[in-house]
């Protein structure tokens, strides 16, 4: 099964996410220097997807900013930062390589 995702915006920190995600969920344009994403803010996103670099505190801060702004409810998905390490840990132990 192939899943197609259309990325409309990219935030590189939780600080910008706390400002930009609520605006995007309200279908407001967001000014950014990042050239990635379609920048099509006309429709409400189907989900917010976060990479593994965001911890629980970051996630909760961004979600709280959206709740405070009374944005529409959408699912939040986050990659667990330990999943990649857990998948590779047997190979890492055998090779003696450190992962940061």
C-alpha atoms as a PDB file:
ATOM      1  CA  UNK A   1       0.000   0.000   0.000  1.00  0.00           C
ATOM      2  CA  UNK A   2       1.377   3.386  -1.005  1.00  0.00           C
ATOM      3  CA  UNK A   3       0.386   6.397   1.059  1.00  0.00           C
ATOM      4  CA  UNK A   4       0.470   9.778  -0.619  1.00  0.00           C
ATOM      5  CA  UNK A   5       0.953  12.846   1.508  1.00  0.00           C
ATOM      6  CA  UNK A   6       0.787  16.433   0.374  1.00  0.00           C
ATOM      7  CA  UNK A   7       2.943  18.547   2.645  1.00  0.00           C
ATOM      8  CA  UNK A   8       1.610  22.078   2.812  1.00  0.00           C
ATOM      9  CA  UNK A   9       4.024  23.546   5.352  1.00  0.00           C
ATOM     10  CA  UNK A  10       7.181  22.702   7.250  1.00  0.00           C
ATOM     11  CA  UNK A  11       8.144  23.965  10.712  1.00  0.00           C
ATOM     12  CA  UNK A  12      11.696  23.388  11.860  1.00  0.00           C
ATOM     13  CA  UNK A  13      11.168  24.112  15.568  1.00  0.00           C
ATOM     14  CA  UNK A  14       8.470  23.895  18.189  1.00  0.00           C
ATOM     15  CA  UNK A  15       8.698  27.683  18.649  1.00  0.00           C
ATOM     16  CA  UNK A  16       7.623  28.306  15.062  1.00  0.00           C
ATOM     17  CA  UNK A  17       5.122  25.442  15.271  1.00  0.00           C
ATOM     18  CA  UNK A  18       3.359  27.126  18.203  1.00  0.00           C
ATOM     19  CA  UNK A  19       2.805  30.195  16.020  1.00  0.00           C
ATOM     20  CA  UNK A  20       2.364  28.752  12.543  1.00  0.00           C
ATOM     21  CA  UNK A  21       0.306  25.583  13.128  1.00  0.00           C
ATOM     22  CA  UNK A  22      -2.653  27.416  14.733  1.00  0.00           C
ATOM     23  CA  UNK A  23      -2.651  29.899  11.828  1.00  0.00           C
ATOM     24  CA  UNK A  24      -2.591  27.087   9.267  1.00  0.00           C
ATOM     25  CA  UNK A  25      -5.467  25.299  11.006  1.00  0.00           C
ATOM     26  CA  UNK A  26      -7.447  28.534  10.763  1.00  0.00           C
ATOM     27  CA  UNK A  27      -6.606  28.637   7.029  1.00  0.00           C
ATOM     28  CA  UNK A  28      -4.537  31.792   7.425  1.00  0.00           C
ATOM     29  CA  UNK A  29      -1.470  32.293   5.219  1.00  0.00           C
ATOM     30  CA  UNK A  30       1.867  31.947   6.954  1.00  0.00           C
ATOM     31  CA  UNK A  31       5.014  33.804   5.975  1.00  0.00           C
ATOM     32  CA  UNK A  32       8.115  31.626   5.961  1.00  0.00           C
ATOM     33  CA  UNK A  33      11.544  31.491   4.350  1.00  0.00           C
ATOM     34  CA  UNK A  34      11.318  27.708   4.012  1.00  0.00           C
ATOM     35  CA  UNK A  35      10.590  26.813   0.413  1.00  0.00           C
ATOM     36  CA  UNK A  36       9.303  23.294   1.130  1.00  0.00           C
ATOM     37  CA  UNK A  37       5.589  22.509   1.057  1.00  0.00           C
ATOM     38  CA  UNK A  38       2.771  23.534  -1.255  1.00  0.00           C
ATOM     39  CA  UNK A  39       1.759  26.606   0.808  1.00  0.00           C
ATOM     40  CA  UNK A  40      -1.873  25.832  -0.051  1.00  0.00           C
ATOM     41  CA  UNK A  41      -3.582  27.122   3.083  1.00  0.00           C
ATOM     42  CA  UNK A  42      -7.117  27.106   1.640  1.00  0.00           C
ATOM     43  CA  UNK A  43      -8.082  23.742   3.165  1.00  0.00           C
ATOM     44  CA  UNK A  44      -7.721  22.543   6.729  1.00  0.00           C
ATOM     45  CA  UNK A  45      -4.977  19.906   6.944  1.00  0.00           C
ATOM     46  CA  UNK A  46      -6.060  16.298   7.471  1.00  0.00           C
ATOM     47  CA  UNK A  47      -3.348  15.811  10.126  1.00  0.00           C
ATOM     48  CA  UNK A  48      -0.303  17.357  11.749  1.00  0.00           C
ATOM     49  CA  UNK A  49       2.721  15.080  11.367  1.00  0.00           C
ATOM     50  CA  UNK A  50       5.809  15.570  13.517  1.00  0.00           C
ATOM     51  CA  UNK A  51       9.212  13.961  13.135  1.00  0.00           C
ATOM     52  CA  UNK A  52      11.011  12.172  15.936  1.00  0.00           C
ATOM     53  CA  UNK A  53      12.993  15.261  16.922  1.00  0.00           C
ATOM     54  CA  UNK A  54      10.055  16.666  18.880  1.00  0.00           C
ATOM     55  CA  UNK A  55       9.697  15.518  22.492  1.00  0.00           C
ATOM     56  CA  UNK A  56       6.523  15.332  24.602  1.00  0.00           C
ATOM     57  CA  UNK A  57       7.017  18.878  25.871  1.00  0.00           C
ATOM     58  CA  UNK A  58       7.263  20.251  22.322  1.00  0.00           C
ATOM     59  CA  UNK A  59       4.193  18.314  21.201  1.00  0.00           C
ATOM     60  CA  UNK A  60       2.136  19.450  24.183  1.00  0.00           C
ATOM     61  CA  UNK A  61       3.171  23.097  23.714  1.00  0.00           C
ATOM     62  CA  UNK A  62       2.143  23.097  20.053  1.00  0.00           C
ATOM     63  CA  UNK A  63      -1.146  21.342  20.786  1.00  0.00           C
ATOM     64  CA  UNK A  64      -1.884  23.776  23.629  1.00  0.00           C
ATOM     65  CA  UNK A  65      -1.267  26.719  21.283  1.00  0.00           C
ATOM     66  CA  UNK A  66      -3.842  25.251  18.898  1.00  0.00           C
ATOM     67  CA  UNK A  67      -6.360  24.688  21.705  1.00  0.00           C
ATOM     68  CA  UNK A  68      -5.894  28.254  22.952  1.00  0.00           C
ATOM     69  CA  UNK A  69      -6.486  29.565  19.418  1.00  0.00           C
ATOM     70  CA  UNK A  70      -9.632  27.401  19.167  1.00  0.00           C
ATOM     71  CA  UNK A  71      -8.549  25.743  15.934  1.00  0.00           C
ATOM     72  CA  UNK A  72     -10.376  22.823  14.280  1.00  0.00           C
ATOM     73  CA  UNK A  73      -9.493  19.412  15.685  1.00  0.00           C
ATOM     74  CA  UNK A  74      -7.183  17.299  13.537  1.00  0.00           C
ATOM     75  CA  UNK A  75      -5.141  14.202  14.411  1.00  0.00           C
ATOM     76  CA  UNK A  76      -1.547  14.689  15.544  1.00  0.00           C
ATOM     77  CA  UNK A  77       0.949  12.016  14.510  1.00  0.00           C
ATOM     78  CA  UNK A  78       4.532  11.800  15.726  1.00  0.00           C
ATOM     79  CA  UNK A  79       7.385   9.464  14.928  1.00  0.00           C
ATOM     80  CA  UNK A  80       8.880   8.092  18.112  1.00  0.00           C
ATOM     81  CA  UNK A  81      12.537   9.064  18.174  1.00  0.00           C
ATOM     82  CA  UNK A  82      13.474   5.706  19.689  1.00  0.00           C
ATOM     83  CA  UNK A  83      11.857   3.609  16.945  1.00  0.00           C
ATOM     84  CA  UNK A  84      14.740   4.107  14.511  1.00  0.00           C
ATOM     85  CA  UNK A  85      17.308   3.239  17.168  1.00  0.00           C
ATOM     86  CA  UNK A  86      15.340   0.171  18.289  1.00  0.00           C
ATOM     87  CA  UNK A  87      15.170  -1.117  14.725  1.00  0.00           C
ATOM     88  CA  UNK A  88      18.925  -0.770  14.317  1.00  0.00           C
ATOM     89  CA  UNK A  89      20.089  -1.642  17.835  1.00  0.00           C
ATOM     90  CA  UNK A  90      21.142  -5.258  17.062  1.00  0.00           C
ATOM     91  CA  UNK A  91      23.261  -4.066  14.115  1.00  0.00           C
ATOM     92  CA  UNK A  92      24.660  -1.181  16.163  1.00  0.00           C
ATOM     93  CA  UNK A  93      25.688  -3.465  19.004  1.00  0.00           C
ATOM     94  CA  UNK A  94      27.442  -5.781  16.557  1.00  0.00           C
ATOM     95  CA  UNK A  95      29.240  -2.959  14.749  1.00  0.00           C
ATOM     96  CA  UNK A  96      30.153  -0.948  17.842  1.00  0.00           C
ATOM     97  CA  UNK A  97      28.836   2.246  16.172  1.00  0.00           C
ATOM     98  CA  UNK A  98      27.398   5.081  18.252  1.00  0.00           C
ATOM     99  CA  UNK A  99      24.155   6.759  17.176  1.00  0.00           C
ATOM    100  CA  UNK A 100      23.433  10.376  18.099  1.00  0.00           C
END
